[in-house]
Amino acid sequence: MDLFSSSWTALRTAVAEVPDEDFARPSGCTGWLVRDLVCHLIIDALDVLITLATPAATEPTRDAVTYWDIVEAPTGDDPLDALIVRLAAAYEEPWLLRFHLDDVGSAAGRVAGLADPAGRVGTRDEVLTAGDYLSAYVLEWTLHHLDLIAHLPDSAEPPAEGLARSRELLEKIAGVAFPPSFTDKDALLIGTGRRAPTEAEQAALGEPAARLPFSLG
């Protein structure tokens, strides 16, 4: 629960500090500008609010690891991705995106802080404990924080503890162990296809290199 809060707070703070002109820069998400990514984060925050307000009475069917599936690498042509682009453009001014994310994002953070970790919630036709659901979102926030700052070198990076937890989750999801020589950030960027490995990194990866990227959905 604490990692969810620290990762989400750090990401929203990073968005708040992005200058207006940088909202038109590319993000680390294929086909999305920074403004598109921020719009996606608003949708994510709404998903958190909806899920935490959707109690479930049955046994959990997923946990923080199995919440995620490995899917085809994004191409930027998905209709839902295109919808995000159109929605982001409709905001017109960066301050409107910042305001909406702060408004909805703060609410999501407060509700998460009040959630019973053992309580069961429903999302995507699955059931998780609230604790597992919020833990899964540490990976979401951390990867998107890296996406946000991909072309903004002066921006603050995600919290170290969030990077470490996200690496741990990705390794369990993909069933691989990244080399100890990889930083947590590099393991996440390379593992999810956000950065191509160097020749040395590819050699250090060994067999898993042929399975990259591990795109999550």
Foldseek 3Di string as FASTA:
>chain_A
DVLLLQLLVQLLVLLVPDDFVQQQDAFLAAQHGLLLLLLVLLVVLVQLVVFLVAFDDDDFPDFLQRVKAFDDADNCPDPVSVVSVVVSVVLVGSVSSSVSCCVSSVVSSVSLVVADQQTWTDDPNGIYRSVRVSLSCLLVSQVSQNRNCVPPVVTDHGDQVSLVSNLVSLCVNVVHHQDPVDRSVRSSCCQQVSDPDDPVRLVRRPPCSVVDHRHID
